[in-house]
Amino acid sequence: MMKELYESLGISQRVVAYSEEILKKLEERFRKIDETAEYNQLKVIKAMQDARVSAECFQATSGYGYNDLGRETLEKVYANVFHTEDALVRPQITCGTHALALALSANLRPGDEMISISGKPYDTLEEVIGIRPSCGSLAEYGVTYKQVELLEDGNFDLEGIRNAISEKTKLVEIQRSKGYLTRPTLSVQQIGEAIAFVKSINPEIICMVDNCYGEFVQRMEPSDLGADMVVGSLIKNPGGGLAPIGGYIAGTKECVERAAYRLTSPGLGKEVGATLGVMQSFYQGLFLAPTVTAAALKGAIFAANLYESLGFKVIPDGKEERYDIIQAVEFGMPEGVVAFCEGIQSAAPVDSYVTPEPWAMPGYDSDVIMAAGAFVQGSSIELSADGPIKPPYAVYFQGGLTWPHAKLGIMKSLQRLYEKGIVKW
C-alpha cells in the first residue's frame, strides 16, 4: 500500500526501492538526532516553566503595546533557552537579514570597524554592510569592514584574525551556517574557541553570531560559549513552522537594549511593540522547534547519503557531524539545480502545481531559484530548496516540518532528476 501511495504521488518503484536501501544505513544516526531533540525539548519546557508562561501570555495587544505580558514573558523564555541576560523577540523583525542588520546597526557607530572572521557573509548582508553599495548601508554611516577567510580545512585562521583586529575593531561577526558557499558549517565548539581567542586579544570586542539554521541542532548554542549576541529568524528553526514572521536577538543586556532602541525609538526601546495576536504561534512554535529541527536534520542526512551514493559532491558529506539543517548538493550545471527544485516544489502541500524558475531576487548578485510550497511565505524550516544560478551550480536543501515530508521531497527531487536524464543508475 505504501508503494502504491508513493506511485500515486509520482514516484517510481525504482526510486522508492533505492531510497529505502539508503535509509537502512541511517537508523543509528536518526536515533542520536532524536536524543538531541529530547534534550532540547526538555530545555525549552524548563525555560517556559521558569518564566511562568500562562494562558494570559497569548492575548493580543494593539497600538503601543504597553505592558504586553506575552511579549515580555516570551523574551524571558528566549533568554532562558539561550542562557543570556536578555532577548528581543518581535514580530516587527521581518526576517533573518533584518535581525542581523538591526543587531549590527544598533551596536556599531561611525568610525567603528566590524570584521567577519568566517569569510564572506551571506549574500543579503553584503548590501547591509556596504560590500555592495546600497542605500543606508553601514558603510554610508562610516563603519568600516574587513573579513578573514577560513582556512582550507574550514577552521578559523587565528593568526589572520589577530592581524586583522585593530584599535577600531568594535564587533566581530561569525556566520554559523554556510550560506551560498560550499564551506563546512561551524560547530558551536569551533565558534566558542574563536570567541575566546578574540576576547583574549580584546575582551571589549562584541562577538555576534549569525545563528540562522543552527538553533537546536546541537545541545548548546553559541551564547553558551561566550557570544555577546546570537541572532536569527523565527521563520527558520526557532519558530517551529508556526511563527508567521519575526526574529530574535539574544545576548548581553547592553547589546539587546541598544537593538531595542534601534528597532523602535530612543527612549522607548522594549516598552512598545504590539504583538497583534501572534504570541500563541510564537510560544507554540518554540515549543515544537526541537522536534521540527530534528525532522529537518533527518531530511538533510538522507539527501546527503542519497546523492553522494549517486556520485555527486555533497556538503556536508554523508558521514559528517551536523551543525545546521542545510544540505548542499553540487550538480555542476544549472539544469540540475532547476530539476532538484522542481522536485521539491512538486512535493509541497501548498502550490505543488507551480513550476519554480530562476529570477532576480532582491539582495542577490545573480538569478536565484527557490522552491517552497510553504504555509508561511519564505519559511525555510518548511521543506524548501534554493540556489544561485552560478558556478558551482549547487542547490541548498533545508527543512521539512515532519520527517515523512522531508523524505518525500528528496524522493521527488531524485525522480525529477531521473526523468530529465541528469541522474542515471
Protein backbone atom coordinates (compact mmCIF):
# COMPACT_ATOMS: atom_id res chain seq x y z
CA MET A 1 0.00 0.00 0.00
CA MET A 2 2.87 2.40 0.78
CA LYS A 3 4.47 1.80 -2.63
CA GLU A 4 1.14 2.38 -4.32
CA LEU A 5 0.70 5.66 -2.44
CA TYR A 6 4.19 6.81 -3.44
CA GLU A 7 3.40 5.84 -7.02
CA SER A 8 0.22 7.96 -6.89
CA LEU A 9 2.46 10.87 -5.88
CA GLY A 10 4.58 10.37 -9.00
CA ILE A 11 7.45 8.35 -7.56
CA SER A 12 8.53 5.21 -9.36
CA GLN A 13 9.12 1.94 -7.56
CA ARG A 14 12.77 2.13 -8.59
CA VAL A 15 13.23 5.42 -6.71
CA VAL A 16 11.35 4.07 -3.69
CA ALA A 17 13.49 0.93 -3.55
CA TYR A 18 16.74 2.86 -3.93
CA SER A 19 15.74 5.31 -1.20
CA GLU A 20 14.82 2.54 1.23
CA GLU A 21 18.25 0.94 0.78
CA ILE A 22 19.89 4.23 1.74
CA LEU A 23 17.63 4.65 4.78
CA LYS A 24 18.51 1.22 6.21
CA LYS A 25 22.02 2.53 6.88
CA LEU A 26 20.84 5.64 8.77
CA GLU A 27 18.89 4.18 11.69
CA GLU A 28 21.64 4.81 14.29
CA ARG A 29 22.19 8.40 13.06
CA PHE A 30 18.48 9.08 13.38
CA ARG A 31 18.39 7.66 16.90
CA LYS A 32 21.08 10.13 18.02
CA ILE A 33 19.17 13.01 16.45
CA ASP A 34 16.11 12.01 18.46
CA GLU A 35 18.20 12.03 21.67
CA THR A 36 19.36 15.60 20.98
CA ALA A 37 15.77 16.62 20.22
CA GLU A 38 14.65 15.18 23.54
CA TYR A 39 17.35 17.14 25.41
CA ASN A 40 16.43 20.39 23.67
CA GLN A 41 12.72 19.77 24.16
CA LEU A 42 13.24 19.48 27.91
CA LYS A 43 15.40 22.62 27.84
CA VAL A 44 12.61 24.60 26.17
CA ILE A 45 9.97 23.28 28.58
CA LYS A 46 12.11 24.24 31.57
CA ALA A 47 12.68 27.71 30.11
CA MET A 48 8.92 28.19 29.73
CA GLN A 49 8.17 26.93 33.22
CA ASP A 50 10.88 29.12 34.78
CA ALA A 51 9.39 32.17 33.01
CA ARG A 52 5.91 31.23 34.31
CA VAL A 53 4.22 31.11 30.91
CA SER A 54 0.43 31.30 31.30
CA ALA A 55 -2.60 31.33 29.02
CA GLU A 56 -2.75 35.12 29.50
CA CYS A 57 0.55 35.37 27.58
CA PHE A 58 -1.30 34.53 24.35
CA GLN A 59 -3.51 37.63 24.42
CA ALA A 60 -3.13 40.20 21.63
CA THR A 61 -2.18 43.83 22.12
CA SER A 62 -2.51 46.73 19.69
CA GLY A 63 -1.27 50.26 19.32
CA TYR A 64 1.73 50.97 21.51
CA GLY A 65 1.58 47.55 23.12
CA TYR A 66 2.35 48.85 26.61
CA ASN A 67 2.57 46.20 29.34
CA ASP A 68 2.33 43.28 26.91
CA LEU A 69 2.69 40.30 29.25
CA GLY A 70 3.11 37.78 26.44
CA ARG A 71 5.88 39.76 24.75
CA GLU A 72 7.80 40.33 27.96
CA THR A 73 7.47 36.72 29.09
CA LEU A 74 8.50 35.34 25.69
CA GLU A 75 11.68 37.40 25.82
CA LYS A 76 12.42 35.89 29.23
CA VAL A 77 11.87 32.44 27.72
CA TYR A 78 14.34 33.11 24.90
CA ALA A 79 16.89 34.46 27.36
CA ASN A 80 16.41 31.28 29.41
CA VAL A 81 16.77 29.00 26.37
CA PHE A 82 19.92 30.74 25.13
CA HIS A 83 21.31 31.36 28.64
CA THR A 84 21.68 35.10 28.02
CA GLU A 85 20.99 38.20 30.08
CA ASP A 86 18.22 39.45 27.80
CA ALA A 87 16.46 38.90 24.48
CA LEU A 88 14.50 40.84 21.89
CA VAL A 89 11.84 38.72 20.13
CA ARG A 90 9.49 40.71 17.93
CA PRO A 91 7.09 40.33 15.01
CA GLN A 92 8.36 43.73 13.86
CA ILE A 93 11.62 41.99 12.86
CA THR A 94 10.72 40.81 9.37
CA CYS A 95 13.40 38.21 8.58
CA GLY A 96 16.90 36.97 9.43
CA THR A 97 18.61 39.66 7.36
CA HIS A 98 16.60 42.32 9.19
CA ALA A 99 17.53 40.86 12.59
CA LEU A 100 21.22 40.86 11.66
CA ALA A 101 21.06 44.38 10.22
CA LEU A 102 19.34 45.54 13.39
CA ALA A 103 21.95 43.96 15.67
CA LEU A 104 24.82 45.44 13.63
CA SER A 105 23.45 48.95 13.17
CA ALA A 106 22.44 49.15 16.84
CA ASN A 107 25.88 48.23 18.15
CA LEU A 108 28.16 50.00 15.67
CA ARG A 109 28.86 53.72 15.44
CA PRO A 110 30.58 55.91 12.81
CA GLY A 111 34.31 55.19 12.88
CA ASP A 112 33.87 51.66 14.24
CA GLU A 113 35.18 48.63 12.43
CA MET A 114 33.49 45.23 12.05
CA ILE A 115 35.25 42.05 10.98
CA SER A 116 33.71 38.89 9.61
CA ILE A 117 36.04 36.10 10.71
CA SER A 118 34.17 33.32 8.87
CA GLY A 119 34.78 34.65 5.38
CA LYS A 120 32.19 36.26 3.14
CA PRO A 121 28.83 36.68 4.88
CA TYR A 122 25.50 35.63 3.40
CA ASP A 123 24.63 37.43 0.15
CA THR A 124 21.91 39.69 1.58
CA LEU A 125 24.32 41.03 4.22
CA GLU A 126 26.64 42.41 1.54
CA GLU A 127 24.34 45.38 1.00
CA VAL A 128 23.73 45.78 4.73
CA ILE A 129 27.46 46.11 5.33
CA GLY A 130 28.20 48.00 2.12
CA ILE A 131 30.37 45.40 0.41
CA ARG A 132 27.95 46.03 -2.45
CA PRO A 133 26.90 49.69 -2.30
CA SER A 134 23.34 50.19 -1.10
CA CYS A 135 21.25 53.00 0.34
CA GLY A 136 21.51 53.04 4.14
CA SER A 137 24.41 50.57 4.41
CA LEU A 138 26.79 50.59 7.37
CA ALA A 139 29.47 51.92 5.04
CA GLU A 140 27.35 55.02 4.39
CA TYR A 141 27.39 55.65 8.13
CA GLY A 142 31.17 55.42 8.37
CA VAL A 143 31.51 51.83 9.60
CA THR A 144 34.50 50.09 8.03
CA TYR A 145 34.68 46.39 7.23
CA LYS A 146 37.24 43.60 6.96
CA GLN A 147 36.91 39.87 6.55
CA VAL A 148 39.17 36.97 7.38
CA GLU A 149 38.75 33.84 5.30
CA LEU A 150 38.51 30.44 6.90
CA LEU A 151 41.45 28.07 6.38
CA GLU A 152 41.18 25.42 3.67
CA ASP A 153 40.16 22.82 6.28
CA GLY A 154 37.25 25.01 7.41
CA ASN A 155 38.82 26.15 10.68
CA PHE A 156 39.31 29.73 11.80
CA ASP A 157 42.51 31.48 10.75
CA LEU A 158 43.62 32.58 14.21
CA GLU A 159 46.75 34.34 13.01
CA GLY A 160 44.76 36.15 10.34
CA ILE A 161 42.23 37.22 12.96
CA ARG A 162 44.99 38.51 15.23
CA ASN A 163 46.45 40.56 12.38
CA ALA A 164 43.06 41.95 11.35
CA ILE A 165 41.98 43.21 14.78
CA SER A 166 42.85 46.85 15.36
CA GLU A 167 42.06 49.58 17.86
CA LYS A 168 38.99 50.45 15.76
CA THR A 169 37.55 46.93 15.88
CA LYS A 170 34.23 47.08 17.71
CA LEU A 171 32.43 43.95 16.54
CA VAL A 172 33.35 40.53 15.19
CA GLU A 173 30.72 38.64 13.20
CA ILE A 174 30.63 34.86 12.79
CA GLN A 175 28.25 33.11 10.42
CA ARG A 176 27.45 29.65 11.72
CA SER A 177 25.90 28.28 8.53
CA LYS A 178 27.46 28.21 5.07
CA GLY A 179 25.02 30.42 3.14
CA TYR A 180 25.51 30.05 -0.61
CA LEU A 181 29.03 28.75 -0.12
CA THR A 182 30.37 25.22 -0.07
CA ARG A 183 32.45 25.58 3.08
CA PRO A 184 31.74 23.49 6.20
CA THR A 185 29.21 24.75 8.72
CA LEU A 186 30.82 25.79 12.01
CA SER A 187 30.17 23.85 15.20
CA VAL A 188 29.29 25.58 18.46
CA GLN A 189 32.60 24.34 19.86
CA GLN A 190 34.58 25.92 16.99
CA ILE A 191 32.71 29.18 17.40
CA GLY A 192 33.35 29.17 21.16
CA GLU A 193 37.08 28.70 20.64
CA ALA A 194 37.18 31.59 18.14
CA ILE A 195 35.26 33.85 20.53
CA ALA A 196 37.67 33.00 23.36
CA PHE A 197 40.58 33.86 21.06
CA VAL A 198 39.06 37.24 20.10
CA LYS A 199 38.31 38.05 23.75
CA SER A 200 41.91 37.19 24.70
CA ILE A 201 43.05 39.96 22.35
CA ASN A 202 40.41 42.49 23.42
CA PRO A 203 37.60 41.49 25.82
CA GLU A 204 35.61 44.60 24.83
CA ILE A 205 35.01 43.42 21.27
CA ILE A 206 31.39 42.38 20.70
CA CYS A 207 31.14 38.86 19.27
CA MET A 208 27.96 38.36 17.27
CA VAL A 209 26.88 35.02 15.76
CA ASP A 210 24.51 34.69 12.83
CA ASN A 211 22.71 31.66 14.25
CA CYS A 212 20.32 31.10 11.34
CA TYR A 213 19.63 27.41 10.58
CA GLY A 214 21.64 26.25 13.59
CA GLU A 215 19.28 26.51 16.57
CA PHE A 216 18.60 23.20 18.38
CA VAL A 217 20.87 21.18 16.08
CA GLN A 218 23.30 20.71 18.98
CA ARG A 219 22.69 20.72 22.71
CA MET A 220 24.50 24.05 23.13
CA GLU A 221 24.17 27.42 21.43
CA PRO A 222 27.00 29.91 20.75
CA SER A 223 25.77 32.03 23.65
CA ASP A 224 26.71 29.16 25.97
CA LEU A 225 30.33 29.68 24.91
CA GLY A 226 30.71 33.43 25.09
CA ALA A 227 28.80 35.04 22.21
CA ASP A 228 27.59 38.52 23.14
CA MET A 229 24.72 38.22 20.65
CA VAL A 230 23.09 35.32 18.81
CA VAL A 231 20.72 36.38 16.06
CA GLY A 232 18.16 34.53 13.98
CA SER A 233 14.80 34.33 12.26
CA LEU A 234 11.57 32.86 13.60
CA ILE A 235 10.62 31.51 10.18
CA LYS A 236 13.63 29.22 10.48
CA ASN A 237 14.35 26.73 13.30
CA PRO A 238 13.07 28.50 16.46
CA GLY A 239 9.64 29.30 15.02
CA GLY A 240 8.87 25.61 14.62
CA GLY A 241 6.91 26.25 11.43
CA LEU A 242 4.16 28.14 13.29
CA ALA A 243 5.64 31.63 13.68
CA PRO A 244 4.26 33.69 10.76
CA ILE A 245 7.05 36.31 10.98
CA GLY A 246 9.65 37.55 13.44
CA GLY A 247 13.25 37.46 14.54
CA TYR A 248 15.28 37.37 17.73
CA ILE A 249 18.43 38.80 19.25
CA ALA A 250 19.59 37.16 22.49
CA GLY A 251 22.63 38.38 24.35
CA THR A 252 24.04 40.79 26.87
CA LYS A 253 21.72 43.35 28.38
CA GLU A 254 23.63 46.23 26.75
CA CYS A 255 23.60 44.74 23.23
CA VAL A 256 19.92 43.83 23.38
CA GLU A 257 18.95 47.22 24.83
CA ARG A 258 20.73 49.04 22.01
CA ALA A 259 18.92 46.81 19.48
CA ALA A 260 15.57 47.59 21.10
CA TYR A 261 16.20 51.34 20.86
CA ARG A 262 17.17 50.92 17.22
CA LEU A 263 14.08 48.83 16.43
CA THR A 264 11.61 51.25 17.99
CA SER A 265 12.95 54.61 19.12
CA PRO A 266 15.43 56.12 21.58
CA GLY A 267 13.59 56.48 24.86
CA LEU A 268 11.05 53.76 24.01
CA GLY A 269 13.07 50.58 23.41
CA LYS A 270 11.43 47.36 24.60
CA GLU A 271 8.47 49.15 26.21
CA VAL A 272 6.49 49.34 22.95
CA GLY A 273 5.65 46.98 20.12
CA ALA A 274 2.19 45.45 19.85
CA THR A 275 2.06 41.69 19.24
CA LEU A 276 -1.22 41.71 17.28
CA GLY A 277 -2.24 38.13 18.09
CA VAL A 278 0.91 36.19 17.11
CA MET A 279 2.02 35.24 20.61
CA GLN A 280 0.45 31.79 20.72
CA SER A 281 2.18 30.91 17.44
CA PHE A 282 5.49 32.19 18.79
CA TYR A 283 5.23 30.18 22.00
CA GLN A 284 3.92 27.00 20.40
CA GLY A 285 6.41 27.24 17.55
CA LEU A 286 9.30 27.46 20.00
CA PHE A 287 7.86 24.50 21.91
CA LEU A 288 7.82 22.41 18.70
CA ALA A 289 11.17 23.70 17.40
CA PRO A 290 13.43 20.90 18.76
CA THR A 291 11.42 18.11 17.11
CA VAL A 292 10.83 20.08 13.91
CA THR A 293 14.57 20.74 13.67
CA ALA A 294 15.19 17.01 14.17
CA ALA A 295 12.91 16.22 11.22
CA ALA A 296 14.81 18.68 9.04
CA LEU A 297 18.14 17.16 10.12
CA LYS A 298 16.99 13.69 9.12
CA GLY A 299 16.00 15.03 5.72
CA ALA A 300 19.41 16.65 5.26
CA ILE A 301 21.28 13.47 6.17
CA PHE A 302 19.06 11.38 3.89
CA ALA A 303 19.69 13.79 1.00
CA ALA A 304 23.45 13.75 1.59
CA ASN A 305 23.69 9.97 1.60
CA LEU A 306 21.35 9.53 -1.36
CA TYR A 307 23.11 11.98 -3.67
CA GLU A 308 26.59 11.06 -2.50
CA SER A 309 25.85 7.45 -3.45
CA LEU A 310 24.97 8.69 -6.96
CA GLY A 311 28.37 10.35 -7.35
CA PHE A 312 27.53 14.00 -6.60
CA LYS A 313 29.58 16.19 -4.29
CA VAL A 314 27.57 16.92 -1.14
CA ILE A 315 28.40 19.36 1.67
CA PRO A 316 28.40 18.12 4.43
CA ASP A 317 29.14 14.59 3.25
CA GLY A 318 27.05 11.62 4.28
CA LYS A 319 29.04 10.82 7.43
CA GLU A 320 29.91 14.27 8.83
CA GLU A 321 28.50 15.65 12.06
CA ARG A 322 25.71 18.17 11.54
CA TYR A 323 25.78 21.76 12.80
CA ASP A 324 22.89 23.21 10.80
CA ILE A 325 19.91 21.93 8.79
CA ILE A 326 21.24 22.86 5.33
CA GLN A 327 22.40 20.30 2.78
CA ALA A 328 24.26 21.39 -0.34
CA VAL A 329 24.45 19.26 -3.48
CA GLU A 330 26.70 20.31 -6.37
CA PHE A 331 25.40 19.47 -9.85
CA GLY A 332 27.91 21.41 -11.95
CA MET A 333 25.16 22.58 -14.30
CA PRO A 334 22.11 24.83 -13.93
CA GLU A 335 19.74 22.12 -15.20
CA GLY A 336 20.50 20.01 -12.11
CA VAL A 337 19.68 22.86 -9.71
CA VAL A 338 16.43 23.61 -11.54
CA ALA A 339 15.32 19.95 -11.70
CA PHE A 340 16.03 19.43 -7.98
CA CYS A 341 13.95 22.48 -7.07
CA GLU A 342 11.12 21.34 -9.36
CA GLY A 343 11.05 18.03 -7.50
CA ILE A 344 10.92 19.74 -4.09
CA GLN A 345 8.13 22.06 -5.23
CA SER A 346 6.07 19.15 -6.52
CA ALA A 347 6.19 17.54 -3.04
CA ALA A 348 4.73 20.61 -1.32
CA PRO A 349 1.30 20.71 0.35
CA VAL A 350 0.87 24.26 -0.96
CA ASP A 351 1.43 25.30 -4.61
CA SER A 352 2.61 21.83 -5.62
CA TYR A 353 1.45 22.52 -9.20
CA VAL A 354 3.71 25.58 -9.57
CA THR A 355 6.97 25.34 -11.53
CA PRO A 356 9.79 27.35 -9.87
CA GLU A 357 12.01 29.42 -12.16
CA PRO A 358 15.21 31.43 -11.57
CA TRP A 359 14.70 35.17 -11.15
CA ALA A 360 16.49 38.31 -9.98
CA MET A 361 15.64 38.31 -6.28
CA PRO A 362 16.35 41.47 -4.25
CA GLY A 363 19.64 41.35 -2.35
CA TYR A 364 21.39 38.77 -4.57
CA ASP A 365 24.04 39.24 -7.26
CA SER A 366 22.73 36.51 -9.61
CA ASP A 367 19.43 34.89 -10.51
CA VAL A 368 18.18 32.59 -7.74
CA ILE A 369 15.69 29.73 -7.93
CA MET A 370 13.59 28.95 -4.88
CA ALA A 371 11.22 26.05 -4.27
CA ALA A 372 8.96 26.45 -1.26
CA GLY A 373 5.33 25.42 -1.14
CA ALA A 374 5.06 26.68 2.41
CA PHE A 375 2.31 27.66 4.81
CA VAL A 376 4.42 30.72 5.74
CA GLN A 377 5.95 32.60 2.82
CA GLY A 378 9.73 32.14 2.76
CA SER A 379 9.76 29.81 5.75
CA SER A 380 12.95 27.79 5.34
CA ILE A 381 12.20 25.46 8.25
CA GLU A 382 9.48 24.15 5.96
CA LEU A 383 10.54 21.91 3.06
CA SER A 384 12.42 24.14 0.65
CA ALA A 385 15.36 24.31 -1.71
CA ASP A 386 17.12 27.15 -3.43
CA GLY A 387 20.34 28.14 -5.08
CA PRO A 388 22.03 30.84 -7.15
CA ILE A 389 22.33 30.12 -10.86
CA LYS A 390 26.11 30.42 -10.96
CA PRO A 391 29.06 28.01 -10.60
CA PRO A 392 29.44 25.53 -8.98
CA TYR A 393 25.66 25.23 -9.54
CA ALA A 394 24.88 23.94 -6.08
CA VAL A 395 21.41 23.58 -4.61
CA TYR A 396 20.73 24.13 -0.92
CA PHE A 397 18.06 21.96 0.64
CA GLN A 398 16.57 22.51 4.08
CA GLY A 399 13.55 21.99 6.24
CA GLY A 400 10.62 19.67 6.49
CA LEU A 401 8.24 20.14 9.40
CA THR A 402 7.91 16.36 9.56
CA TRP A 403 10.36 13.63 8.60
CA PRO A 404 7.91 11.91 6.19
CA HIS A 405 7.53 15.16 4.26
CA ALA A 406 11.29 15.72 4.10
CA LYS A 407 11.68 12.14 2.83
CA LEU A 408 9.01 12.65 0.18
CA GLY A 409 10.68 15.84 -1.04
CA ILE A 410 14.05 14.18 -1.52
CA MET A 411 12.48 11.26 -3.35
CA LYS A 412 10.58 13.65 -5.63
CA SER A 413 13.81 15.54 -6.39
CA LEU A 414 15.51 12.29 -7.39
CA GLN A 415 12.53 11.31 -9.52
CA ARG A 416 12.68 14.63 -11.39
CA LEU A 417 16.44 14.36 -11.99
CA TYR A 418 15.95 10.78 -13.22
CA GLU A 419 13.18 11.80 -15.61
CA LYS A 420 15.38 14.55 -17.08
CA GLY A 421 18.29 12.17 -17.59
CA ILE A 422 20.57 14.01 -15.16
CA VAL A 423 20.71 11.05 -12.77
CA LYS A 424 21.43 7.63 -14.25
CA TRP A 425 21.89 4.40 -12.37
